[in-house]
C-alpha cells in the first residue's frame, strides 16, 4: 500500500489529508472544485470497491496523479483556473490515456461533442442517475485495464484466438510466445 492525498478542506471526507490507497485496486479520481460533489460521489461510488481520490483543481490533480495506477477520472468542466477541457488537453499532451468521464451541471450538446471528439469516455449531467454513473465508471475502468494490457504486450487473448484456429502458441525464449 502507498499513501495518497485527498485534496480540499472544510469537509470530513476532504479534511483527511491522506488515505491508504491500494496498489492493485483501481482508483476513481474526481476533479471538481465543489467539495459537496466529492462527498456525494464518494458515497455513491464506494459500492464499487475502488479507491476514490478527490482533487479541487486540475493543477492539483496533475501534481499528484500517478499514471501507473489503473482507474478513471471524473472531471467537472467549469472550475477556476484550469477548466476540465484544459486538463483533458494537458493529459493528452502528456500521452496520459486515463478514461475521462465529464460530469457537469452546465453542459450542452456542443460541449459534449467537443469532449467526446477530444477523447472523453463519456459526458454526464449533474446530478447523474446513480445506476448510469456506476455503469459508466465500471466500463471506464474496464477500458483502462484493456488499454494497459495492450500496452504491456499481454498476449493472453492472442493465445486464445490462435488456439481457436487450431494453432498452438508456444513460449519463445526471447519474445514470450510465438505461433507454431
C-alpha atoms as a PDB file:
ATOM      1  CA  UNK A   1       0.000   0.000   0.000  1.00  0.00           C
ATOM      2  CA  UNK A   2       1.108   3.558  -0.550  1.00  0.00           C
ATOM      3  CA  UNK A   3      -0.242   6.819   0.740  1.00  0.00           C
ATOM      4  CA  UNK A   4      -2.360   9.043  -1.489  1.00  0.00           C
ATOM      5  CA  UNK A   5      -3.708  12.512  -0.831  1.00  0.00           C
ATOM      6  CA  UNK A   6      -7.233  13.817  -0.853  1.00  0.00           C
ATOM      7  CA  UNK A   7      -7.422  17.458  -1.721  1.00  0.00           C
ATOM      8  CA  UNK A   8      -9.566  20.110  -0.132  1.00  0.00           C
ATOM      9  CA  UNK A   9     -10.607  21.448   3.212  1.00  0.00           C
ATOM     10  CA  UNK A  10     -13.734  22.052   5.264  1.00  0.00           C
ATOM     11  CA  UNK A  11     -15.429  18.693   4.923  1.00  0.00           C
ATOM     12  CA  UNK A  12     -14.911  15.468   6.882  1.00  0.00           C
ATOM     13  CA  UNK A  13     -14.034  13.459   3.768  1.00  0.00           C
ATOM     14  CA  UNK A  14     -11.641  16.066   2.457  1.00  0.00           C
ATOM     15  CA  UNK A  15     -10.156  17.042   5.803  1.00  0.00           C
ATOM     16  CA  UNK A  16      -8.285  13.731   5.893  1.00  0.00           C
ATOM     17  CA  UNK A  17      -5.013  14.763   4.294  1.00  0.00           C
ATOM     18  CA  UNK A  18      -4.038  11.226   3.364  1.00  0.00           C
ATOM     19  CA  UNK A  19      -5.797   7.924   2.857  1.00  0.00           C
ATOM     20  CA  UNK A  20      -4.473   4.448   2.263  1.00  0.00           C
ATOM     21  CA  UNK A  21      -4.550   3.674  -1.429  1.00  0.00           C
ATOM     22  CA  UNK A  22      -4.297   0.096  -2.656  1.00  0.00           C
ATOM     23  CA  UNK A  23      -1.692  -0.675  -5.284  1.00  0.00           C
ATOM     24  CA  UNK A  24      -3.886  -3.263  -7.005  1.00  0.00           C
ATOM     25  CA  UNK A  25      -7.387  -1.803  -6.835  1.00  0.00           C
ATOM     26  CA  UNK A  26      -8.406   0.723  -9.481  1.00  0.00           C
ATOM     27  CA  UNK A  27      -8.667   4.349  -8.458  1.00  0.00           C
ATOM     28  CA  UNK A  28     -11.510   6.695  -9.315  1.00  0.00           C
ATOM     29  CA  UNK A  29     -10.094  10.195  -9.470  1.00  0.00           C
ATOM     30  CA  UNK A  30     -12.518  13.074  -9.006  1.00  0.00           C
ATOM     31  CA  UNK A  31     -11.554  16.605 -10.067  1.00  0.00           C
ATOM     32  CA  UNK A  32     -14.213  19.137  -9.118  1.00  0.00           C
ATOM     33  CA  UNK A  33     -13.966  22.414  -7.213  1.00  0.00           C
ATOM     34  CA  UNK A  34     -17.188  21.595  -5.303  1.00  0.00           C
ATOM     35  CA  UNK A  35     -16.401  19.642  -2.120  1.00  0.00           C
ATOM     36  CA  UNK A  36     -20.071  18.636  -1.766  1.00  0.00           C
ATOM     37  CA  UNK A  37     -19.715  16.785  -5.081  1.00  0.00           C
ATOM     38  CA  UNK A  38     -16.633  14.993  -3.712  1.00  0.00           C
ATOM     39  CA  UNK A  39     -18.587  13.687  -0.730  1.00  0.00           C
ATOM     40  CA  UNK A  40     -21.659  12.742  -2.778  1.00  0.00           C
ATOM     41  CA  UNK A  41     -19.547  10.840  -5.302  1.00  0.00           C
ATOM     42  CA  UNK A  42     -17.620   9.074  -2.547  1.00  0.00           C
ATOM     43  CA  UNK A  43     -20.903   7.828  -1.064  1.00  0.00           C
ATOM     44  CA  UNK A  44     -22.248   6.721  -4.455  1.00  0.00           C
ATOM     45  CA  UNK A  45     -19.025   5.115  -5.685  1.00  0.00           C
ATOM     46  CA  UNK A  46     -17.957   3.301  -2.506  1.00  0.00           C
ATOM     47  CA  UNK A  47     -20.011   0.255  -3.576  1.00  0.00           C
ATOM     48  CA  UNK A  48     -17.563  -0.318  -6.449  1.00  0.00           C
ATOM     49  CA  UNK A  49     -14.728  -1.389  -4.126  1.00  0.00           C
ATOM     50  CA  UNK A  50     -12.272   1.025  -5.720  1.00  0.00           C
ATOM     51  CA  UNK A  51     -10.113   3.713  -4.210  1.00  0.00           C
ATOM     52  CA  UNK A  52     -11.529   7.229  -4.556  1.00  0.00           C
ATOM     53  CA  UNK A  53      -9.223  10.238  -4.571  1.00  0.00           C
ATOM     54  CA  UNK A  54     -10.613  13.764  -4.942  1.00  0.00           C
ATOM     55  CA  UNK A  55      -8.908  16.978  -6.021  1.00  0.00           C
ATOM     56  CA  UNK A  56     -10.248  20.526  -6.130  1.00  0.00           C
ATOM     57  CA  UNK A  57      -8.333  21.558  -9.245  1.00  0.00           C
ATOM     58  CA  UNK A  58      -6.751  20.205 -12.387  1.00  0.00           C
ATOM     59  CA  UNK A  59      -3.406  21.617 -11.315  1.00  0.00           C
ATOM     60  CA  UNK A  60      -3.510  19.688  -8.041  1.00  0.00           C
ATOM     61  CA  UNK A  61      -4.504  16.505  -9.876  1.00  0.00           C
ATOM     62  CA  UNK A  62      -1.580  16.852 -12.308  1.00  0.00           C
ATOM     63  CA  UNK A  63       0.855  17.399  -9.442  1.00  0.00           C
ATOM     64  CA  UNK A  64      -0.246  14.232  -7.617  1.00  0.00           C
ATOM     65  CA  UNK A  65      -1.539  11.844 -10.284  1.00  0.00           C
ATOM     66  CA  UNK A  66       0.279   8.523 -10.641  1.00  0.00           C
ATOM     67  CA  UNK A  67      -0.195   7.286 -14.232  1.00  0.00           C
ATOM     68  CA  UNK A  68       0.860   3.808 -13.129  1.00  0.00           C
ATOM     69  CA  UNK A  69      -2.403   3.370 -11.220  1.00  0.00           C
ATOM     70  CA  UNK A  70      -5.347   1.978 -13.177  1.00  0.00           C
ATOM     71  CA  UNK A  71      -8.728   3.680 -12.994  1.00  0.00           C
ATOM     72  CA  UNK A  72     -10.680   6.574 -14.437  1.00  0.00           C
ATOM     73  CA  UNK A  73     -11.158  10.305 -13.983  1.00  0.00           C
ATOM     74  CA  UNK A  74     -14.470  12.003 -13.206  1.00  0.00           C
ATOM     75  CA  UNK A  75     -13.977  15.592 -14.290  1.00  0.00           C
ATOM     76  CA  UNK A  76     -16.016  18.789 -13.973  1.00  0.00           C
ATOM     77  CA  UNK A  77     -15.943  21.222 -16.889  1.00  0.00           C
ATOM     78  CA  UNK A  78     -16.260  24.576 -15.125  1.00  0.00           C
ATOM     79  CA  UNK A  79     -13.604  25.190 -12.465  1.00  0.00           C
ATOM     80  CA  UNK A  80     -11.497  28.199 -11.551  1.00  0.00           C
ATOM     81  CA  UNK A  81      -8.029  28.165 -13.065  1.00  0.00           C
ATOM     82  CA  UNK A  82      -7.623  25.107 -15.256  1.00  0.00           C
ATOM     83  CA  UNK A  83     -11.032  24.020 -16.548  1.00  0.00           C
ATOM     84  CA  UNK A  84     -11.907  20.436 -17.456  1.00  0.00           C
ATOM     85  CA  UNK A  85     -11.163  20.844 -21.172  1.00  0.00           C
ATOM     86  CA  UNK A  86      -7.742  22.317 -20.405  1.00  0.00           C
ATOM     87  CA  UNK A  87      -6.965  19.368 -18.128  1.00  0.00           C
ATOM     88  CA  UNK A  88      -8.132  16.956 -20.843  1.00  0.00           C
ATOM     89  CA  UNK A  89      -5.792  18.635 -23.365  1.00  0.00           C
ATOM     90  CA  UNK A  90      -2.887  18.624 -20.901  1.00  0.00           C
ATOM     91  CA  UNK A  91      -3.338  14.908 -20.210  1.00  0.00           C
ATOM     92  CA  UNK A  92      -3.394  14.224 -23.956  1.00  0.00           C
ATOM     93  CA  UNK A  93      -0.213  16.278 -24.464  1.00  0.00           C
ATOM     94  CA  UNK A  94       1.464  14.121 -21.793  1.00  0.00           C
ATOM     95  CA  UNK A  95       0.130  10.984 -23.525  1.00  0.00           C
ATOM     96  CA  UNK A  96      -1.862  10.040 -20.422  1.00  0.00           C
ATOM     97  CA  UNK A  97      -4.794   7.920 -21.557  1.00  0.00           C
ATOM     98  CA  UNK A  98      -6.886   7.665 -18.395  1.00  0.00           C
ATOM     99  CA  UNK A  99     -10.579   7.403 -19.360  1.00  0.00           C
ATOM    100  CA  UNK A 100     -12.290  10.727 -18.618  1.00  0.00           C
ATOM    101  CA  UNK A 101     -15.930  10.942 -17.603  1.00  0.00           C
ATOM    102  CA  UNK A 102     -17.073  14.542 -17.718  1.00  0.00           C
ATOM    103  CA  UNK A 103     -19.694  15.364 -15.096  1.00  0.00           C
ATOM    104  CA  UNK A 104     -21.144  18.854 -15.325  1.00  0.00           C
ATOM    105  CA  UNK A 105     -24.219  20.797 -14.329  1.00  0.00           C
ATOM    106  CA  UNK A 106     -23.846  23.299 -17.149  1.00  0.00           C
ATOM    107  CA  UNK A 107     -23.301  21.134 -20.195  1.00  0.00           C
ATOM    108  CA  UNK A 108     -24.922  21.238 -23.600  1.00  0.00           C
ATOM    109  CA  UNK A 109     -24.723  19.215 -26.815  1.00  0.00           C
ATOM    110  CA  UNK A 110     -21.835  21.192 -28.384  1.00  0.00           C
ATOM    111  CA  UNK A 111     -19.864  20.875 -25.139  1.00  0.00           C
ATOM    112  CA  UNK A 112     -20.486  17.120 -25.001  1.00  0.00           C
ATOM    113  CA  UNK A 113     -19.494  16.772 -28.662  1.00  0.00           C
ATOM    114  CA  UNK A 114     -16.277  18.671 -28.022  1.00  0.00           C
ATOM    115  CA  UNK A 115     -15.405  16.467 -25.039  1.00  0.00           C
ATOM    116  CA  UNK A 116     -16.097  13.260 -26.937  1.00  0.00           C
ATOM    117  CA  UNK A 117     -14.208  14.353 -30.062  1.00  0.00           C
ATOM    118  CA  UNK A 118     -11.232  15.154 -27.836  1.00  0.00           C
ATOM    119  CA  UNK A 119     -11.310  11.607 -26.439  1.00  0.00           C
ATOM    120  CA  UNK A 120     -13.589  11.675 -23.383  1.00  0.00           C
ATOM    121  CA  UNK A 121     -15.007   8.314 -22.367  1.00  0.00           C
ATOM    122  CA  UNK A 122     -18.439   9.781 -21.555  1.00  0.00           C
ATOM    123  CA  UNK A 123     -20.213  13.027 -20.729  1.00  0.00           C
ATOM    124  CA  UNK A 124     -22.838  13.040 -17.955  1.00  0.00           C
ATOM    125  CA  UNK A 125     -25.053  15.756 -16.490  1.00  0.00           C
ATOM    126  CA  UNK A 126     -25.208  16.649 -12.783  1.00  0.00           C
ATOM    127  CA  UNK A 127     -26.884  15.221 -10.898  1.00  0.00           C
ATOM    128  CA  UNK A 128     -26.186  11.906 -12.586  1.00  0.00           C
ATOM    129  CA  UNK A 129     -28.502   8.923 -12.452  1.00  0.00           C
ATOM    130  CA  UNK A 130     -26.742   6.675  -9.951  1.00  0.00           C
ATOM    131  CA  UNK A 131     -27.089   3.477 -11.978  1.00  0.00           C
ATOM    132  CA  UNK A 132     -25.766   5.202 -15.113  1.00  0.00           C
ATOM    133  CA  UNK A 133     -22.801   6.689 -13.217  1.00  0.00           C
ATOM    134  CA  UNK A 134     -21.858   3.333 -11.664  1.00  0.00           C
ATOM    135  CA  UNK A 135     -22.133   1.536 -15.023  1.00  0.00           C
ATOM    136  CA  UNK A 136     -20.091   4.226 -16.751  1.00  0.00           C
ATOM    137  CA  UNK A 137     -17.323   4.106 -14.140  1.00  0.00           C
ATOM    138  CA  UNK A 138     -17.161   0.302 -14.353  1.00  0.00           C
ATOM    139  CA  UNK A 139     -16.925   0.440 -18.157  1.00  0.00           C
ATOM    140  CA  UNK A 140     -14.251   3.158 -17.993  1.00  0.00           C
ATOM    141  CA  UNK A 141     -12.131   1.144 -15.558  1.00  0.00           C
ATOM    142  CA  UNK A 142     -12.531  -1.960 -17.751  1.00  0.00           C
ATOM    143  CA  UNK A 143     -11.457   0.101 -20.778  1.00  0.00           C
ATOM    144  CA  UNK A 144      -8.402   1.371 -18.887  1.00  0.00           C
ATOM    145  CA  UNK A 145      -7.472  -2.211 -17.940  1.00  0.00           C
ATOM    146  CA  UNK A 146      -7.856  -3.238 -21.598  1.00  0.00           C
ATOM    147  CA  UNK A 147      -5.576  -0.411 -22.774  1.00  0.00           C
ATOM    148  CA  UNK A 148      -2.980  -1.255 -20.130  1.00  0.00           C
ATOM    149  CA  UNK A 149      -2.962  -4.928 -21.169  1.00  0.00           C
ATOM    150  CA  UNK A 150      -2.482  -3.918 -24.815  1.00  0.00           C
ATOM    151  CA  UNK A 151       0.374  -1.563 -23.930  1.00  0.00           C
ATOM    152  CA  UNK A 152       2.073  -4.193 -21.770  1.00  0.00           C
ATOM    153  CA  UNK A 153       2.001  -6.676 -24.651  1.00  0.00           C
ATOM    154  CA  UNK A 154      -0.228  -9.160 -22.867  1.00  0.00           C
ATOM    155  CA  UNK A 155      -0.899 -11.860 -25.404  1.00  0.00           C
ATOM    156  CA  UNK A 156      -3.429 -13.955 -23.468  1.00  0.00           C
ATOM    157  CA  UNK A 157      -6.202 -13.017 -25.884  1.00  0.00           C
ATOM    158  CA  UNK A 158      -3.959 -13.753 -28.847  1.00  0.00           C
ATOM    159  CA  UNK A 159      -3.146 -17.221 -27.488  1.00  0.00           C
ATOM    160  CA  UNK A 160      -6.866 -17.963 -27.115  1.00  0.00           C
ATOM    161  CA  UNK A 161      -7.589 -16.737 -30.644  1.00  0.00           C
ATOM    162  CA  UNK A 162      -4.728 -18.780 -32.108  1.00  0.00           C
ATOM    163  CA  UNK A 163      -5.832 -21.879 -30.211  1.00  0.00           C
ATOM    164  CA  UNK A 164      -9.351 -21.383 -31.588  1.00  0.00           C
ATOM    165  CA  UNK A 165      -7.866 -21.538 -35.088  1.00  0.00           C
ATOM    166  CA  UNK A 166      -6.028 -24.769 -34.296  1.00  0.00           C
ATOM    167  CA  UNK A 167      -2.671 -23.003 -33.903  1.00  0.00           C
ATOM    168  CA  UNK A 168      -0.732 -23.747 -30.737  1.00  0.00           C
ATOM    169  CA  UNK A 169       1.019 -20.780 -29.116  1.00  0.00           C
ATOM    170  CA  UNK A 170       4.363 -21.793 -27.615  1.00  0.00           C
ATOM    171  CA  UNK A 171       6.772 -19.826 -25.475  1.00  0.00           C
ATOM    172  CA  UNK A 172       9.592 -18.176 -27.374  1.00  0.00           C
ATOM    173  CA  UNK A 173      12.809 -17.875 -25.330  1.00  0.00           C
ATOM    174  CA  UNK A 174      13.374 -14.219 -26.278  1.00  0.00           C
ATOM    175  CA  UNK A 175       9.959 -12.781 -27.104  1.00  0.00           C
ATOM    176  CA  UNK A 176       7.444 -14.535 -24.856  1.00  0.00           C
ATOM    177  CA  UNK A 177       5.415 -16.606 -27.308  1.00  0.00           C
ATOM    178  CA  UNK A 178       5.024 -17.386 -30.965  1.00  0.00           C
ATOM    179  CA  UNK A 179       2.653 -19.479 -33.032  1.00  0.00           C
ATOM    180  CA  UNK A 180       3.652 -22.901 -34.311  1.00  0.00           C
END
